[in-house]
PDB file of N, CA and C in Angstrom:
ATOM      1  N   MET A   1     -31.637 -35.394  31.363  1.00  0.00           N
ATOM      2  CA  MET A   1     -31.415 -34.524  30.226  1.00  0.00           C
ATOM      3  C   MET A   1     -30.740 -33.215  30.670  1.00  0.00           C
ATOM      4  N   LYS A   2     -31.226 -32.713  31.824  1.00  0.00           N
ATOM      5  CA  LYS A   2     -30.634 -31.481  32.344  1.00  0.00           C
ATOM      6  C   LYS A   2     -29.167 -31.709  32.717  1.00  0.00           C
ATOM      7  N   LEU A   3     -28.875 -32.872  33.276  1.00  0.00           N
ATOM      8  CA  LEU A   3     -27.497 -33.207  33.633  1.00  0.00           C
ATOM      9  C   LEU A   3     -26.620 -33.286  32.387  1.00  0.00           C
ATOM     10  N   LEU A   4     -27.155 -33.868  31.327  1.00  0.00           N
ATOM     11  CA  LEU A   4     -26.406 -33.955  30.075  1.00  0.00           C
ATOM     12  C   LEU A   4     -26.139 -32.560  29.502  1.00  0.00           C
ATOM     13  N   GLY A   5     -27.150 -31.688  29.583  1.00  0.00           N
ATOM     14  CA  GLY A   5     -26.966 -30.315  29.109  1.00  0.00           C
ATOM     15  C   GLY A   5     -25.901 -29.582  29.899  1.00  0.00           C
ATOM     16  N   ASN A   6     -25.914 -29.764  31.223  1.00  0.00           N
ATOM     17  CA  ASN A   6     -24.898 -29.122  32.063  1.00  0.00           C
ATOM     18  C   ASN A   6     -23.510 -29.673  31.779  1.00  0.00           C
ATOM     19  N   LEU A   7     -23.415 -30.973  31.536  1.00  0.00           N
ATOM     20  CA  LEU A   7     -22.113 -31.567  31.213  1.00  0.00           C
ATOM     21  C   LEU A   7     -21.587 -31.069  29.868  1.00  0.00           C
ATOM     22  N   LEU A   8     -22.486 -30.831  28.922  1.00  0.00           N
ATOM     23  CA  LEU A   8     -22.056 -30.306  27.625  1.00  0.00           C
ATOM     24  C   LEU A   8     -21.665 -28.826  27.713  1.00  0.00           C
ATOM     25  N   LEU A   9     -22.243 -28.107  28.669  1.00  0.00           N
ATOM     26  CA  LEU A   9     -21.922 -26.687  28.816  1.00  0.00           C
ATOM     27  C   LEU A   9     -20.592 -26.451  29.525  1.00  0.00           C
ATOM     28  N   ILE A  10     -20.122 -27.397  30.312  1.00  0.00           N
ATOM     29  CA  ILE A  10     -18.871 -27.212  31.058  1.00  0.00           C
ATOM     30  C   ILE A  10     -17.685 -26.955  30.127  1.00  0.00           C
ATOM     31  N   PRO A  11     -17.464 -27.752  29.065  1.00  0.00           N
ATOM     32  CA  PRO A  11     -16.332 -27.424  28.171  1.00  0.00           C
ATOM     33  C   PRO A  11     -16.498 -26.068  27.491  1.00  0.00           C
ATOM     34  N   MET A  12     -17.758 -25.720  27.164  1.00  0.00           N
ATOM     35  CA  MET A  12     -18.005 -24.427  26.531  1.00  0.00           C
ATOM     36  C   MET A  12     -17.638 -23.287  27.476  1.00  0.00           C
ATOM     37  N   LYS A  13     -18.011 -23.432  28.745  1.00  0.00           N
ATOM     38  CA  LYS A  13     -17.677 -22.400  29.727  1.00  0.00           C
ATOM     39  C   LYS A  13     -16.167 -22.313  29.931  1.00  0.00           C
ATOM     40  N   ILE A  14     -15.505 -23.442  29.959  1.00  0.00           N
ATOM     41  CA  ILE A  14     -14.048 -23.452  30.141  1.00  0.00           C
ATOM     42  C   ILE A  14     -13.356 -22.807  28.943  1.00  0.00           C
ATOM     43  N   LEU A  15     -13.866 -23.051  27.746  1.00  0.00           N
ATOM     44  CA  LEU A  15     -13.248 -22.476  26.552  1.00  0.00           C
ATOM     45  C   LEU A  15     -13.570 -20.992  26.390  1.00  0.00           C
ATOM     46  N   LEU A  16     -14.743 -20.570  26.831  1.00  0.00           N
ATOM     47  CA  LEU A  16     -15.142 -19.176  26.645  1.00  0.00           C
ATOM     48  C   LEU A  16     -14.616 -18.250  27.735  1.00  0.00           C
ATOM     49  N   PHE A  17     -14.257 -18.788  28.896  1.00  0.00           N
ATOM     50  CA  PHE A  17     -13.780 -17.932  29.982  1.00  0.00           C
ATOM     51  C   PHE A  17     -12.520 -17.149  29.605  1.00  0.00           C
ATOM     52  N   PRO A  18     -11.483 -17.771  29.000  1.00  0.00           N
ATOM     53  CA  PRO A  18     -10.322 -16.963  28.594  1.00  0.00           C
ATOM     54  C   PRO A  18     -10.671 -15.914  27.537  1.00  0.00           C
ATOM     55  N   LEU A  19     -11.625 -16.235  26.671  1.00  0.00           N
ATOM     56  CA  LEU A  19     -12.045 -15.269  25.660  1.00  0.00           C
ATOM     57  C   LEU A  19     -12.722 -14.066  26.306  1.00  0.00           C
ATOM     58  N   ILE A  20     -13.539 -14.306  27.304  1.00  0.00           N
ATOM     59  CA  ILE A  20     -14.202 -13.207  28.007  1.00  0.00           C
ATOM     60  C   ILE A  20     -13.174 -12.346  28.735  1.00  0.00           C
ATOM     61  N   ILE A  21     -12.211 -12.969  29.390  1.00  0.00           N
ATOM     62  CA  ILE A  21     -11.145 -12.218  30.064  1.00  0.00           C
ATOM     63  C   ILE A  21     -10.355 -11.396  29.049  1.00  0.00           C
ATOM     64  N   PHE A  22     -10.045 -11.987  27.894  1.00  0.00           N
ATOM     65  CA  PHE A  22      -9.312 -11.279  26.846  1.00  0.00           C
ATOM     66  C   PHE A  22     -10.110 -10.082  26.340  1.00  0.00           C
ATOM     67  N   ILE A  23     -11.405 -10.239  26.145  1.00  0.00           N
ATOM     68  CA  ILE A  23     -12.246  -9.143  25.660  1.00  0.00           C
ATOM     69  C   ILE A  23     -12.296  -8.014  26.681  1.00  0.00           C
ATOM     70  N   ILE A  24     -12.415  -8.348  27.956  1.00  0.00           N
ATOM     71  CA  ILE A  24     -12.452  -7.317  28.994  1.00  0.00           C
ATOM     72  C   ILE A  24     -11.121  -6.568  29.051  1.00  0.00           C
ATOM     73  N   CYS A  25     -10.012  -7.294  29.024  1.00  0.00           N
ATOM     74  CA  CYS A  25      -8.691  -6.648  29.057  1.00  0.00           C
ATOM     75  C   CYS A  25      -8.473  -5.786  27.820  1.00  0.00           C
ATOM     76  N   PHE A  26      -8.886  -6.276  26.661  1.00  0.00           N
ATOM     77  CA  PHE A  26      -8.721  -5.510  25.431  1.00  0.00           C
ATOM     78  C   PHE A  26      -9.579  -4.248  25.451  1.00  0.00           C
ATOM     79  N   SER A  27     -10.777  -4.334  26.011  1.00  0.00           N
ATOM     80  CA  SER A  27     -11.646  -3.166  26.118  1.00  0.00           C
ATOM     81  C   SER A  27     -11.026  -2.110  27.031  1.00  0.00           C
ATOM     82  N   ILE A  28     -10.474  -2.544  28.157  1.00  0.00           N
ATOM     83  CA  ILE A  28      -9.821  -1.601  29.068  1.00  0.00           C
ATOM     84  C   ILE A  28      -8.607  -0.965  28.400  1.00  0.00           C
ATOM     85  N   LEU A  29      -7.822  -1.766  27.700  1.00  0.00           N
ATOM     86  CA  LEU A  29      -6.636  -1.254  27.018  1.00  0.00           C
ATOM     87  C   LEU A  29      -6.998  -0.234  25.944  1.00  0.00           C
ATOM     88  N   THR A  30      -8.024  -0.518  25.155  1.00  0.00           N
ATOM     89  CA  THR A  30      -8.406   0.430  24.106  1.00  0.00           C
ATOM     90  C   THR A  30      -8.963   1.719  24.688  1.00  0.00           C
ATOM     91  N   SER A  31      -9.692   1.649  25.793  1.00  0.00           N
ATOM     92  CA  SER A  31     -10.201   2.878  26.393  1.00  0.00           C
ATOM     93  C   SER A  31      -9.066   3.719  26.965  1.00  0.00           C
ATOM     94  N   VAL A  32      -8.067   3.067  27.560  1.00  0.00           N
ATOM     95  CA  VAL A  32      -6.909   3.809  28.077  1.00  0.00           C
ATOM     96  C   VAL A  32      -6.131   4.450  26.930  1.00  0.00           C
ATOM     97  N   LEU A  33      -5.933   3.711  25.850  1.00  0.00           N
ATOM     98  CA  LEU A  33      -5.218   4.265  24.697  1.00  0.00           C
ATOM     99  C   LEU A  33      -5.999   5.400  24.044  1.00  0.00           C
ATOM    100  N   ALA A  34      -7.318   5.285  23.997  1.00  0.00           N
ATOM    101  CA  ALA A  34      -8.129   6.358  23.419  1.00  0.00           C
ATOM    102  C   ALA A  34      -8.022   7.622  24.270  1.00  0.00           C
ATOM    103  N   PHE A  35      -8.054   7.458  25.596  1.00  0.00           N
ATOM    104  CA  PHE A  35      -7.916   8.618  26.472  1.00  0.00           C
ATOM    105  C   PHE A  35      -6.540   9.252  26.315  1.00  0.00           C
ATOM    106  N   ALA A  36      -5.503   8.422  26.246  1.00  0.00           N
ATOM    107  CA  ALA A  36      -4.147   8.954  26.081  1.00  0.00           C
ATOM    108  C   ALA A  36      -4.012   9.659  24.739  1.00  0.00           C
ATOM    109  N   GLY A  37      -4.614   9.101  23.700  1.00  0.00           N
ATOM    110  CA  GLY A  37      -4.558   9.740  22.386  1.00  0.00           C
ATOM    111  C   GLY A  37      -5.248  11.089  22.378  1.00  0.00           C
ATOM    112  N   LYS A  38      -6.400  11.187  23.042  1.00  0.00           N
ATOM    113  CA  LYS A  38      -7.095  12.475  23.123  1.00  0.00           C
ATOM    114  C   LYS A  38      -6.268  13.481  23.914  1.00  0.00           C
ATOM    115  N   PHE A  39      -5.649  13.016  24.989  1.00  0.00           N
ATOM    116  CA  PHE A  39      -4.827  13.913  25.797  1.00  0.00           C
ATOM    117  C   PHE A  39      -3.637  14.432  24.993  1.00  0.00           C
ATOM    118  N   VAL A  40      -2.968  13.529  24.280  1.00  0.00           N
ATOM    119  CA  VAL A  40      -1.805  13.929  23.478  1.00  0.00           C
ATOM    120  C   VAL A  40      -2.225  14.867  22.359  1.00  0.00           C
ATOM    121  N   LEU A  41      -3.345  14.560  21.702  1.00  0.00           N
ATOM    122  CA  LEU A  41      -3.812  15.421  20.617  1.00  0.00           C
ATOM    123  C   LEU A  41      -4.194  16.803  21.134  1.00  0.00           C
ATOM    124  N   GLY A  42      -4.829  16.858  22.297  1.00  0.00           N
ATOM    125  CA  GLY A  42      -5.150  18.150  22.893  1.00  0.00           C
ATOM    126  C   GLY A  42      -3.901  18.925  23.271  1.00  0.00           C
ATOM    127  N   PHE A  43      -2.885  18.237  23.784  1.00  0.00           N
ATOM    128  CA  PHE A  43      -1.629  18.901  24.140  1.00  0.00           C
ATOM    129  C   PHE A  43      -0.917  19.430  22.896  1.00  0.00           C
ATOM    130  N   ILE A  44      -0.923  18.633  21.824  1.00  0.00           N
ATOM    131  CA  ILE A  44      -0.313  19.088  20.567  1.00  0.00           C
ATOM    132  C   ILE A  44      -1.070  20.293  20.023  1.00  0.00           C
ATOM    133  N   ASN A  45      -2.398  20.274  20.130  1.00  0.00           N
ATOM    134  CA  ASN A  45      -3.178  21.433  19.686  1.00  0.00           C
ATOM    135  C   ASN A  45      -2.843  22.671  20.504  1.00  0.00           C
ATOM    136  N   LEU A  46      -2.608  22.496  21.788  1.00  0.00           N
ATOM    137  CA  LEU A  46      -2.232  23.634  22.627  1.00  0.00           C
ATOM    138  C   LEU A  46      -0.888  24.207  22.195  1.00  0.00           C
ATOM    139  N   ILE A  47       0.073  23.334  21.906  1.00  0.00           N
ATOM    140  CA  ILE A  47       1.384  23.799  21.444  1.00  0.00           C
ATOM    141  C   ILE A  47       1.256  24.513  20.098  1.00  0.00           C
ATOM    142  N   ILE A  48       0.439  23.951  19.199  1.00  0.00           N
ATOM    143  CA  ILE A  48       0.235  24.588  17.892  1.00  0.00           C
ATOM    144  C   ILE A  48      -0.443  25.941  18.062  1.00  0.00           C
ATOM    145  N   LEU A  49      -1.400  26.036  18.981  1.00  0.00           N
ATOM    146  CA  LEU A  49      -2.067  27.314  19.224  1.00  0.00           C
ATOM    147  C   LEU A  49      -1.088  28.348  19.770  1.00  0.00           C
ATOM    148  N   LEU A  50      -0.200  27.932  20.665  1.00  0.00           N
ATOM    149  CA  LEU A  50       0.814  28.865  21.171  1.00  0.00           C
ATOM    150  C   LEU A  50       1.763  29.299  20.053  1.00  0.00           C
ATOM    151  N   GLY A  51       2.133  28.364  19.183  1.00  0.00           N
ATOM    152  CA  GLY A  51       2.963  28.725  18.033  1.00  0.00           C
ATOM    153  C   GLY A  51       2.250  29.669  17.092  1.00  0.00           C
ATOM    154  N   LEU A  52       0.946  29.482  16.933  1.00  0.00           N
ATOM    155  CA  LEU A  52       0.160  30.377  16.083  1.00  0.00           C
ATOM    156  C   LEU A  52       0.124  31.785  16.658  1.00  0.00           C
ATOM    157  N   VAL A  53      -0.049  31.893  17.966  1.00  0.00           N
ATOM    158  CA  VAL A  53      -0.052  33.214  18.607  1.00  0.00           C
ATOM    159  C   VAL A  53       1.315  33.882  18.448  1.00  0.00           C
ATOM    160  N   GLY A  54       2.380  33.104  18.625  1.00  0.00           N
ATOM    161  CA  GLY A  54       3.720  33.667  18.436  1.00  0.00           C
ATOM    162  C   GLY A  54       3.963  34.093  17.001  1.00  0.00           C
ATOM    163  N   SER A  55       3.467  33.324  16.051  1.00  0.00           N
ATOM    164  CA  SER A  55       3.632  33.691  14.641  1.00  0.00           C
ATOM    165  C   SER A  55       2.837  34.939  14.303  1.00  0.00           C
ATOM    166  N   LEU A  56       1.654  35.057  14.888  1.00  0.00           N
ATOM    167  CA  LEU A  56       0.870  36.277  14.666  1.00  0.00           C
ATOM    168  C   LEU A  56       1.587  37.489  15.252  1.00  0.00           C
ATOM    169  N   TYR A  57       2.233  37.290  16.392  1.00  0.00           N
ATOM    170  CA  TYR A  57       2.947  38.392  17.031  1.00  0.00           C
ATOM    171  C   TYR A  57       4.126  38.854  16.180  1.00  0.00           C
ATOM    172  N   TYR A  58       4.860  37.888  15.611  1.00  0.00           N
ATOM    173  CA  TYR A  58       6.027  38.242  14.808  1.00  0.00           C
ATOM    174  C   TYR A  58       5.691  38.476  13.340  1.00  0.00           C
ATOM    175  N   GLY A  59       4.497  38.116  12.901  1.00  0.00           N
ATOM    176  CA  GLY A  59       4.035  38.432  11.559  1.00  0.00           C
ATOM    177  C   GLY A  59       4.588  37.557  10.453  1.00  0.00           C
ATOM    178  N   ASN A  60       4.924  36.316  10.721  1.00  0.00           N
ATOM    179  CA  ASN A  60       5.431  35.410   9.695  1.00  0.00           C
ATOM    180  C   ASN A  60       4.234  34.699   9.051  1.00  0.00           C
ATOM    181  N   SER A  61       3.879  35.091   7.818  1.00  0.00           N
ATOM    182  CA  SER A  61       2.635  34.625   7.212  1.00  0.00           C
ATOM    183  C   SER A  61       2.679  33.149   6.817  1.00  0.00           C
ATOM    184  N   LYS A  62       3.832  32.638   6.378  1.00  0.00           N
ATOM    185  CA  LYS A  62       3.901  31.225   5.992  1.00  0.00           C
ATOM    186  C   LYS A  62       3.748  30.317   7.206  1.00  0.00           C
ATOM    187  N   VAL A  63       4.358  30.700   8.293  1.00  0.00           N
ATOM    188  CA  VAL A  63       4.236  29.907   9.519  1.00  0.00           C
ATOM    189  C   VAL A  63       2.813  30.003  10.063  1.00  0.00           C
ATOM    190  N   ILE A  64       2.203  31.184   9.931  1.00  0.00           N
ATOM    191  CA  ILE A  64       0.817  31.348  10.379  1.00  0.00           C
ATOM    192  C   ILE A  64      -0.099  30.402   9.613  1.00  0.00           C
ATOM    193  N   ALA A  65       0.064  30.341   8.301  1.00  0.00           N
ATOM    194  CA  ALA A  65      -0.773  29.456   7.483  1.00  0.00           C
ATOM    195  C   ALA A  65      -0.560  27.990   7.860  1.00  0.00           C
ATOM    196  N   ALA A  66       0.682  27.604   8.099  1.00  0.00           N
ATOM    197  CA  ALA A  66       0.963  26.215   8.475  1.00  0.00           C
ATOM    198  C   ALA A  66       0.351  25.879   9.832  1.00  0.00           C
ATOM    199  N   PHE A  67       0.486  26.789  10.797  1.00  0.00           N
ATOM    200  CA  PHE A  67      -0.080  26.535  12.117  1.00  0.00           C
ATOM    201  C   PHE A  67      -1.606  26.494  12.080  1.00  0.00           C
ATOM    202  N   ILE A  68      -2.222  27.369  11.279  1.00  0.00           N
ATOM    203  CA  ILE A  68      -3.681  27.345  11.156  1.00  0.00           C
ATOM    204  C   ILE A  68      -4.136  26.019  10.558  1.00  0.00           C
ATOM    205  N   LEU A  69      -3.423  25.528   9.550  1.00  0.00           N
ATOM    206  CA  LEU A  69      -3.769  24.250   8.934  1.00  0.00           C
ATOM    207  C   LEU A  69      -3.632  23.104   9.940  1.00  0.00           C
ATOM    208  N   LEU A  70      -2.522  23.057  10.667  1.00  0.00           N
ATOM    209  CA  LEU A  70      -2.325  21.990  11.654  1.00  0.00           C
ATOM    210  C   LEU A  70      -3.355  22.062  12.783  1.00  0.00           C
ATOM    211  N   PHE A  71      -3.640  23.284  13.239  1.00  0.00           N
ATOM    212  CA  PHE A  71      -4.606  23.447  14.323  1.00  0.00           C
ATOM    213  C   PHE A  71      -6.005  23.036  13.877  1.00  0.00           C
ATOM    214  N   SER A  72      -6.377  23.404  12.655  1.00  0.00           N
ATOM    215  CA  SER A  72      -7.707  23.026  12.173  1.00  0.00           C
ATOM    216  C   SER A  72      -7.824  21.514  11.994  1.00  0.00           C
ATOM    217  N   ILE A  73      -6.752  20.857  11.541  1.00  0.00           N
ATOM    218  CA  ILE A  73      -6.776  19.394  11.420  1.00  0.00           C
ATOM    219  C   ILE A  73      -6.927  18.749  12.801  1.00  0.00           C
ATOM    220  N   GLY A  74      -6.201  19.257  13.782  1.00  0.00           N
ATOM    221  CA  GLY A  74      -6.310  18.708  15.137  1.00  0.00           C
ATOM    222  C   GLY A  74      -7.680  18.913  15.749  1.00  0.00           C
ATOM    223  N   VAL A  75      -8.249  20.107  15.560  1.00  0.00           N
ATOM    224  CA  VAL A  75      -9.577  20.380  16.111  1.00  0.00           C
ATOM    225  C   VAL A  75     -10.630  19.528  15.408  1.00  0.00           C
ATOM    226  N   LEU A  76     -10.508  19.388  14.092  1.00  0.00           N
ATOM    227  CA  LEU A  76     -11.462  18.552  13.361  1.00  0.00           C
ATOM    228  C   LEU A  76     -11.389  17.094  13.805  1.00  0.00           C
ATOM    229  N   SER A  77     -10.193  16.602  14.064  1.00  0.00           N
ATOM    230  CA  SER A  77     -10.084  15.212  14.522  1.00  0.00           C
ATOM    231  C   SER A  77     -10.702  15.039  15.904  1.00  0.00           C
ATOM    232  N   LEU A  78     -10.559  16.037  16.772  1.00  0.00           N
ATOM    233  CA  LEU A  78     -11.210  15.950  18.082  1.00  0.00           C
ATOM    234  C   LEU A  78     -12.726  16.028  17.954  1.00  0.00           C
ATOM    235  N   ILE A  79     -13.209  16.899  17.050  1.00  0.00           N
ATOM    236  CA  ILE A  79     -14.657  17.025  16.850  1.00  0.00           C
ATOM    237  C   ILE A  79     -15.231  15.742  16.261  1.00  0.00           C
ATOM    238  N   ILE A  80     -14.538  15.181  15.263  1.00  0.00           N
ATOM    239  CA  ILE A  80     -15.012  13.937  14.650  1.00  0.00           C
ATOM    240  C   ILE A  80     -15.013  12.812  15.676  1.00  0.00           C
ATOM    241  N   ASP A  81     -14.071  12.833  16.598  1.00  0.00           N
ATOM    242  CA  ASP A  81     -14.036  11.814  17.646  1.00  0.00           C
ATOM    243  C   ASP A  81     -15.193  11.984  18.623  1.00  0.00           C
ATOM    244  N   LEU A  82     -15.692  13.208  18.790  1.00  0.00           N
ATOM    245  CA  LEU A  82     -16.780  13.450  19.733  1.00  0.00           C
ATOM    246  C   LEU A  82     -18.157  13.162  19.149  1.00  0.00           C
ATOM    247  N   ILE A  83     -18.276  13.041  17.824  1.00  0.00           N
ATOM    248  CA  ILE A  83     -19.587  12.835  17.202  1.00  0.00           C
ATOM    249  C   ILE A  83     -20.256  11.542  17.678  1.00  0.00           C
ATOM    250  N   PRO A  84     -19.575  10.375  17.664  1.00  0.00           N
ATOM    251  CA  PRO A  84     -20.264   9.165  18.142  1.00  0.00           C
ATOM    252  C   PRO A  84     -20.667   9.234  19.613  1.00  0.00           C
ATOM    253  N   ILE A  85     -19.846   9.880  20.434  1.00  0.00           N
ATOM    254  CA  ILE A  85     -20.179  10.008  21.857  1.00  0.00           C
ATOM    255  C   ILE A  85     -21.436  10.851  22.027  1.00  0.00           C
ATOM    256  N   THR A  86     -21.515  11.955  21.274  1.00  0.00           N
ATOM    257  CA  THR A  86     -22.680  12.831  21.352  1.00  0.00           C
ATOM    258  C   THR A  86     -23.933  12.120  20.863  1.00  0.00           C
ATOM    259  N   LEU A  87     -23.818  11.413  19.744  1.00  0.00           N
ATOM    260  CA  LEU A  87     -24.979  10.686  19.229  1.00  0.00           C
ATOM    261  C   LEU A  87     -25.416   9.580  20.185  1.00  0.00           C
ATOM    262  N   ASN A  88     -24.468   8.943  20.841  1.00  0.00           N
ATOM    263  CA  ASN A  88     -24.807   7.905  21.812  1.00  0.00           C
ATOM    264  C   ASN A  88     -25.557   8.496  23.002  1.00  0.00           C
ATOM    265  N   LYS A  89     -25.097   9.632  23.508  1.00  0.00           N
ATOM    266  CA  LYS A  89     -25.785  10.268  24.632  1.00  0.00           C
ATOM    267  C   LYS A  89     -27.176  10.735  24.226  1.00  0.00           C
ATOM    268  N   LEU A  90     -27.291  11.278  23.006  1.00  0.00           N
ATOM    269  CA  LEU A  90     -28.585  11.725  22.513  1.00  0.00           C
ATOM    270  C   LEU A  90     -29.541  10.546  22.357  1.00  0.00           C
ATOM    271  N   SER A  91     -29.030   9.453  21.834  1.00  0.00           N
ATOM    272  CA  SER A  91     -29.846   8.248  21.666  1.00  0.00           C
ATOM    273  C   SER A  91     -30.290   7.691  23.012  1.00  0.00           C
ATOM    274  N   ASN A  92     -29.381   7.666  23.983  1.00  0.00           N
ATOM    275  CA  ASN A  92     -29.744   7.163  25.314  1.00  0.00           C
ATOM    276  C   ASN A  92     -30.798   8.039  25.970  1.00  0.00           C
ATOM    277  N   SER A  93     -30.669   9.362  25.826  1.00  0.00           N
ATOM    278  CA  SER A  93     -31.668  10.245  26.425  1.00  0.00           C
ATOM    279  C   SER A  93     -33.019  10.083  25.734  1.00  0.00           C
ATOM    280  N   LEU A  94     -33.009   9.880  24.406  1.00  0.00           N
ATOM    281  CA  LEU A  94     -34.261   9.659  23.687  1.00  0.00           C
ATOM    282  C   LEU A  94     -34.911   8.346  24.108  1.00  0.00           C
ATOM    283  N   ILE A  95     -34.108   7.304  24.241  1.00  0.00           N
ATOM    284  CA  ILE A  95     -34.638   6.002  24.668  1.00  0.00           C
ATOM    285  C   ILE A  95     -35.197   6.091  26.086  1.00  0.00           C
ATOM    286  N   ASN A  96     -34.499   6.800  26.971  1.00  0.00           N
ATOM    287  CA  ASN A  96     -34.995   6.947  28.343  1.00  0.00           C
ATOM    288  C   ASN A  96     -36.294   7.739  28.375  1.00  0.00           C
ATOM    289  N   THR A  97     -36.394   8.773  27.533  1.00  0.00           N
ATOM    290  CA  THR A  97     -37.620   9.566  27.476  1.00  0.00           C
ATOM    291  C   THR A  97     -38.778   8.731  26.952  1.00  0.00           C
ATOM    292  N   LEU A  98     -38.522   7.987  25.879  1.00  0.00           N
ATOM    293  CA  LEU A  98     -39.579   7.134  25.335  1.00  0.00           C
ATOM    294  C   LEU A  98     -39.959   6.034  26.323  1.00  0.00           C
ATOM    295  N   GLY A  99     -38.976   5.498  27.020  1.00  0.00           N
ATOM    296  CA  GLY A  99     -39.266   4.480  28.024  1.00  0.00           C
ATOM    297  C   GLY A  99     -40.089   5.026  29.183  1.00  0.00           C
ATOM    298  N   PHE A 100     -39.883   6.303  29.504  1.00  0.00           N
ATOM    299  CA  PHE A 100     -40.655   6.918  30.579  1.00  0.00           C
ATOM    300  C   PHE A 100     -42.115   7.111  30.168  1.00  0.00           C
ATOM    301  N   TRP A 101     -42.327   7.527  28.917  1.00  0.00           N
ATOM    302  CA  TRP A 101     -43.684   7.840  28.492  1.00  0.00           C
ATOM    303  C   TRP A 101     -44.468   6.621  28.028  1.00  0.00           C
ATOM    304  N   PHE A 102     -43.787   5.571  27.603  1.00  0.00           N
ATOM    305  CA  PHE A 102     -44.519   4.399  27.099  1.00  0.00           C
ATOM    306  C   PHE A 102     -44.310   3.276  28.017  1.00  0.00           C
TER     307      PHE A 102
END
């Protein structure tokens, strides 16, 4: 019976191995793209902040308002992106604390 079970599992393992490789590669690709997106968004925010400082220096109120709007949208998107990471770390620390005490 054990031999029959092992023989039935061989095709399943052969079929699932490419799927596992695909999932691992896709996970690595998405993490690299997420890091690149955060880097680009931070760089764009830096450029917008420099433009805002220049607009404040020259006193152009319409450009100041536009730069403040763009900068706030960029900062909010970075903050919203950090919320799940923060909650995950908080949850892990709570689970570790509860695991230590119980």
